[in-house]
């Protein structure tokens, strides 16, 4: 679960808006990752759990198609590699109702190193997901092409 919390820093907020849910994998991550990170699938660990890996070269490309009403950006997948797929990291943040607004902001939560998180396999050029500006390297804008940085998994403009 995206239950790790930090003050002072903001993390990417994401949502798997319209993704073909053919496969959702459990990935044990090596480094702390924000929701909306694009990763690869590593070795089998045990039943229904894989290690994470760098995003495979040329396995993902997308296009920013619209800005959502909440200020986030919709990214449509434009290139997939079904033999060596990229995956979208998204774990539902656990927000407690009894905290103040500082603690209820999704931008304060991230997935800790060593956690097992949900990984949505990107298999269709019709897959669309939502990511806040913190999930991009560069300034997001409608029409921009994005790829995934191999080691960080952040969406890179251009």
C-alpha atoms as a PDB file:
ATOM      1  CA  UNK A   1       0.000   0.000   0.000  1.00  0.00           C
ATOM      2  CA  UNK A   2       1.116   3.548  -0.638  1.00  0.00           C
ATOM      3  CA  UNK A   3       1.209   4.252   3.057  1.00  0.00           C
ATOM      4  CA  UNK A   4       4.586   5.889   3.486  1.00  0.00           C
ATOM      5  CA  UNK A   5       4.194   9.559   4.231  1.00  0.00           C
ATOM      6  CA  UNK A   6       6.532  12.509   3.915  1.00  0.00           C
ATOM      7  CA  UNK A   7       6.213  16.162   4.869  1.00  0.00           C
ATOM      8  CA  UNK A   8       7.535  19.034   2.828  1.00  0.00           C
ATOM      9  CA  UNK A   9       7.951  17.037  -0.391  1.00  0.00           C
ATOM     10  CA  UNK A  10       5.324  16.238  -2.965  1.00  0.00           C
ATOM     11  CA  UNK A  11       5.004  12.976  -4.848  1.00  0.00           C
ATOM     12  CA  UNK A  12       3.237  12.113  -8.085  1.00  0.00           C
ATOM     13  CA  UNK A  13      -0.443  11.269  -7.905  1.00  0.00           C
ATOM     14  CA  UNK A  14      -1.772   8.812 -10.474  1.00  0.00           C
ATOM     15  CA  UNK A  15      -4.826   6.776 -11.376  1.00  0.00           C
ATOM     16  CA  UNK A  16      -5.272   3.898 -13.875  1.00  0.00           C
ATOM     17  CA  UNK A  17      -8.170   5.696 -15.595  1.00  0.00           C
ATOM     18  CA  UNK A  18      -8.810   3.383 -18.527  1.00  0.00           C
ATOM     19  CA  UNK A  19      -6.440   0.429 -18.596  1.00  0.00           C
ATOM     20  CA  UNK A  20      -7.257  -3.024 -19.929  1.00  0.00           C
ATOM     21  CA  UNK A  21      -7.153  -5.025 -16.709  1.00  0.00           C
ATOM     22  CA  UNK A  22      -6.018  -8.261 -18.309  1.00  0.00           C
ATOM     23  CA  UNK A  23      -3.127  -8.544 -15.863  1.00  0.00           C
ATOM     24  CA  UNK A  24      -2.334  -6.798 -12.610  1.00  0.00           C
ATOM     25  CA  UNK A  25       0.932  -8.059 -11.181  1.00  0.00           C
ATOM     26  CA  UNK A  26       2.416  -7.768  -7.714  1.00  0.00           C
ATOM     27  CA  UNK A  27       5.877  -6.224  -7.943  1.00  0.00           C
ATOM     28  CA  UNK A  28       8.322  -5.976  -5.061  1.00  0.00           C
ATOM     29  CA  UNK A  29      10.123  -2.696  -5.615  1.00  0.00           C
ATOM     30  CA  UNK A  30      13.786  -2.084  -4.852  1.00  0.00           C
ATOM     31  CA  UNK A  31      13.601   1.707  -4.547  1.00  0.00           C
ATOM     32  CA  UNK A  32      10.906   4.058  -3.265  1.00  0.00           C
ATOM     33  CA  UNK A  33       8.552   4.878  -6.154  1.00  0.00           C
ATOM     34  CA  UNK A  34       5.672   7.254  -6.709  1.00  0.00           C
ATOM     35  CA  UNK A  35       2.379   6.132  -8.171  1.00  0.00           C
ATOM     36  CA  UNK A  36       2.441   6.701 -11.928  1.00  0.00           C
ATOM     37  CA  UNK A  37       5.978   5.326 -12.325  1.00  0.00           C
ATOM     38  CA  UNK A  38       6.581   3.096 -15.358  1.00  0.00           C
ATOM     39  CA  UNK A  39       8.667   0.001 -14.635  1.00  0.00           C
ATOM     40  CA  UNK A  40       9.538  -3.371 -16.118  1.00  0.00           C
ATOM     41  CA  UNK A  41       8.896  -6.847 -14.752  1.00  0.00           C
ATOM     42  CA  UNK A  42      11.868  -8.686 -13.302  1.00  0.00           C
ATOM     43  CA  UNK A  43      12.373 -12.229 -12.104  1.00  0.00           C
ATOM     44  CA  UNK A  44       9.755 -14.436 -10.462  1.00  0.00           C
ATOM     45  CA  UNK A  45      10.058 -14.284  -6.650  1.00  0.00           C
ATOM     46  CA  UNK A  46       7.193 -16.529  -5.625  1.00  0.00           C
ATOM     47  CA  UNK A  47       3.522 -17.133  -6.401  1.00  0.00           C
ATOM     48  CA  UNK A  48       1.999 -13.921  -7.819  1.00  0.00           C
ATOM     49  CA  UNK A  49       5.054 -11.799  -7.026  1.00  0.00           C
ATOM     50  CA  UNK A  50       7.837 -10.531  -9.264  1.00  0.00           C
ATOM     51  CA  UNK A  51      10.855  -8.286  -8.745  1.00  0.00           C
ATOM     52  CA  UNK A  52      10.732  -4.901 -10.411  1.00  0.00           C
ATOM     53  CA  UNK A  53      13.141  -3.994 -13.190  1.00  0.00           C
ATOM     54  CA  UNK A  54      14.102  -0.968 -15.232  1.00  0.00           C
ATOM     55  CA  UNK A  55      11.600  -0.117 -17.949  1.00  0.00           C
ATOM     56  CA  UNK A  56      12.659  -2.083 -21.035  1.00  0.00           C
ATOM     57  CA  UNK A  57      14.032   0.102 -23.837  1.00  0.00           C
ATOM     58  CA  UNK A  58      11.423   0.891 -26.493  1.00  0.00           C
ATOM     59  CA  UNK A  59       8.642  -0.906 -24.589  1.00  0.00           C
ATOM     60  CA  UNK A  60       6.567   2.179 -23.784  1.00  0.00           C
ATOM     61  CA  UNK A  61       5.629   5.419 -25.444  1.00  0.00           C
ATOM     62  CA  UNK A  62       2.667   7.646 -24.755  1.00  0.00           C
ATOM     63  CA  UNK A  63       1.051  10.944 -25.607  1.00  0.00           C
ATOM     64  CA  UNK A  64      -0.530  13.497 -23.287  1.00  0.00           C
ATOM     65  CA  UNK A  65      -4.068  13.772 -24.639  1.00  0.00           C
ATOM     66  CA  UNK A  66      -5.851  16.006 -22.134  1.00  0.00           C
ATOM     67  CA  UNK A  67      -5.580  17.789 -18.816  1.00  0.00           C
ATOM     68  CA  UNK A  68      -8.043  16.397 -16.281  1.00  0.00           C
ATOM     69  CA  UNK A  69     -10.369  18.617 -14.258  1.00  0.00           C
ATOM     70  CA  UNK A  70      -8.192  17.990 -11.176  1.00  0.00           C
ATOM     71  CA  UNK A  71      -5.081  19.365 -12.949  1.00  0.00           C
ATOM     72  CA  UNK A  72      -3.496  15.981 -13.648  1.00  0.00           C
ATOM     73  CA  UNK A  73      -2.653  14.792 -17.169  1.00  0.00           C
ATOM     74  CA  UNK A  74      -4.169  11.916 -19.166  1.00  0.00           C
ATOM     75  CA  UNK A  75      -1.519   9.855 -20.939  1.00  0.00           C
ATOM     76  CA  UNK A  76      -2.593   7.514 -23.737  1.00  0.00           C
ATOM     77  CA  UNK A  77      -0.280   4.622 -24.504  1.00  0.00           C
ATOM     78  CA  UNK A  78       0.866   4.795 -28.141  1.00  0.00           C
ATOM     79  CA  UNK A  79       3.443   1.995 -28.187  1.00  0.00           C
ATOM     80  CA  UNK A  80       3.576  -1.315 -26.350  1.00  0.00           C
ATOM     81  CA  UNK A  81       5.787  -4.373 -26.407  1.00  0.00           C
ATOM     82  CA  UNK A  82       3.671  -7.370 -25.443  1.00  0.00           C
ATOM     83  CA  UNK A  83       6.736  -9.630 -25.238  1.00  0.00           C
ATOM     84  CA  UNK A  84       8.515  -7.352 -22.760  1.00  0.00           C
ATOM     85  CA  UNK A  85       5.807  -5.050 -21.388  1.00  0.00           C
ATOM     86  CA  UNK A  86       6.069  -1.913 -19.318  1.00  0.00           C
ATOM     87  CA  UNK A  87       3.884  -1.667 -16.212  1.00  0.00           C
ATOM     88  CA  UNK A  88       2.249   1.263 -14.409  1.00  0.00           C
ATOM     89  CA  UNK A  89       2.840   1.364 -10.655  1.00  0.00           C
ATOM     90  CA  UNK A  90      -0.329   2.285  -8.794  1.00  0.00           C
ATOM     91  CA  UNK A  91      -1.104   1.407  -5.215  1.00  0.00           C
ATOM     92  CA  UNK A  92      -4.159   2.912  -3.535  1.00  0.00           C
ATOM     93  CA  UNK A  93      -3.039   5.418  -0.875  1.00  0.00           C
ATOM     94  CA  UNK A  94      -4.429   4.741   2.595  1.00  0.00           C
ATOM     95  CA  UNK A  95      -5.666   8.083   3.897  1.00  0.00           C
ATOM     96  CA  UNK A  96      -6.995   8.243   7.434  1.00  0.00           C
ATOM     97  CA  UNK A  97     -10.101  10.395   8.028  1.00  0.00           C
ATOM     98  CA  UNK A  98      -8.976  11.597  11.442  1.00  0.00           C
ATOM     99  CA  UNK A  99      -5.912  13.485  10.197  1.00  0.00           C
ATOM    100  CA  UNK A 100      -5.757  17.123   9.170  1.00  0.00           C
ATOM    101  CA  UNK A 101      -5.615  18.177   5.518  1.00  0.00           C
ATOM    102  CA  UNK A 102      -1.794  17.950   5.480  1.00  0.00           C
ATOM    103  CA  UNK A 103      -2.033  14.210   6.114  1.00  0.00           C
ATOM    104  CA  UNK A 104      -4.929  13.660   3.711  1.00  0.00           C
ATOM    105  CA  UNK A 105      -3.133  14.919   0.598  1.00  0.00           C
ATOM    106  CA  UNK A 106      -2.262  12.104  -1.832  1.00  0.00           C
ATOM    107  CA  UNK A 107       0.833  14.097  -2.840  1.00  0.00           C
ATOM    108  CA  UNK A 108       2.411  13.234   0.524  1.00  0.00           C
ATOM    109  CA  UNK A 109       2.281   9.457  -0.044  1.00  0.00           C
ATOM    110  CA  UNK A 110       4.672   7.150  -1.888  1.00  0.00           C
ATOM    111  CA  UNK A 111       5.539   3.442  -2.173  1.00  0.00           C
ATOM    112  CA  UNK A 112       8.459   2.530   0.105  1.00  0.00           C
ATOM    113  CA  UNK A 113      11.484   0.513  -1.006  1.00  0.00           C
ATOM    114  CA  UNK A 114      10.847  -3.182  -0.382  1.00  0.00           C
ATOM    115  CA  UNK A 115       7.057  -2.838  -0.645  1.00  0.00           C
ATOM    116  CA  UNK A 116       4.978  -5.068  -2.883  1.00  0.00           C
ATOM    117  CA  UNK A 117       2.762  -2.907  -5.100  1.00  0.00           C
ATOM    118  CA  UNK A 118       0.240  -3.283  -7.912  1.00  0.00           C
ATOM    119  CA  UNK A 119       1.648  -3.117 -11.428  1.00  0.00           C
ATOM    120  CA  UNK A 120      -0.803  -2.665 -14.298  1.00  0.00           C
ATOM    121  CA  UNK A 121       0.512  -4.283 -17.490  1.00  0.00           C
ATOM    122  CA  UNK A 122       0.279  -1.813 -20.410  1.00  0.00           C
ATOM    123  CA  UNK A 123      -0.836  -3.917 -23.364  1.00  0.00           C
ATOM    124  CA  UNK A 124      -3.040  -1.694 -25.506  1.00  0.00           C
ATOM    125  CA  UNK A 125      -2.668   1.557 -27.402  1.00  0.00           C
ATOM    126  CA  UNK A 126      -6.064   2.438 -25.931  1.00  0.00           C
ATOM    127  CA  UNK A 127      -4.800   2.320 -22.336  1.00  0.00           C
ATOM    128  CA  UNK A 128      -5.065   5.710 -20.604  1.00  0.00           C
ATOM    129  CA  UNK A 129      -3.770   6.662 -17.182  1.00  0.00           C
ATOM    130  CA  UNK A 130      -3.635   9.881 -15.201  1.00  0.00           C
ATOM    131  CA  UNK A 131      -0.499  11.417 -13.652  1.00  0.00           C
ATOM    132  CA  UNK A 132       0.144  14.685 -11.813  1.00  0.00           C
ATOM    133  CA  UNK A 133       2.926  17.039 -12.947  1.00  0.00           C
ATOM    134  CA  UNK A 134       5.298  15.568 -10.321  1.00  0.00           C
ATOM    135  CA  UNK A 135       5.410  12.336 -12.339  1.00  0.00           C
ATOM    136  CA  UNK A 136       7.032  14.049 -15.358  1.00  0.00           C
ATOM    137  CA  UNK A 137      10.535  15.127 -16.257  1.00  0.00           C
ATOM    138  CA  UNK A 138       9.844  18.331 -18.168  1.00  0.00           C
ATOM    139  CA  UNK A 139       6.700  20.411 -18.426  1.00  0.00           C
ATOM    140  CA  UNK A 140       3.602  18.389 -19.409  1.00  0.00           C
ATOM    141  CA  UNK A 141       1.372  19.765 -22.185  1.00  0.00           C
ATOM    142  CA  UNK A 142      -1.358  18.338 -24.403  1.00  0.00           C
ATOM    143  CA  UNK A 143       0.160  16.708 -27.480  1.00  0.00           C
ATOM    144  CA  UNK A 144       3.557  16.014 -25.908  1.00  0.00           C
ATOM    145  CA  UNK A 145       5.106  12.596 -26.472  1.00  0.00           C
ATOM    146  CA  UNK A 146       6.354  10.803 -23.359  1.00  0.00           C
ATOM    147  CA  UNK A 147       8.691   7.888 -22.747  1.00  0.00           C
ATOM    148  CA  UNK A 148       9.786   6.290 -19.490  1.00  0.00           C
ATOM    149  CA  UNK A 149      13.203   6.985 -18.027  1.00  0.00           C
ATOM    150  CA  UNK A 150      14.778   3.523 -17.712  1.00  0.00           C
ATOM    151  CA  UNK A 151      15.997   3.694 -14.126  1.00  0.00           C
ATOM    152  CA  UNK A 152      13.558   6.121 -12.460  1.00  0.00           C
ATOM    153  CA  UNK A 153      10.434   5.260 -14.446  1.00  0.00           C
ATOM    154  CA  UNK A 154       9.382   8.924 -14.554  1.00  0.00           C
ATOM    155  CA  UNK A 155       7.595  10.068 -17.692  1.00  0.00           C
ATOM    156  CA  UNK A 156      10.015  12.048 -19.830  1.00  0.00           C
ATOM    157  CA  UNK A 157       8.668  14.723 -22.196  1.00  0.00           C
ATOM    158  CA  UNK A 158       9.933  14.630 -25.765  1.00  0.00           C
END
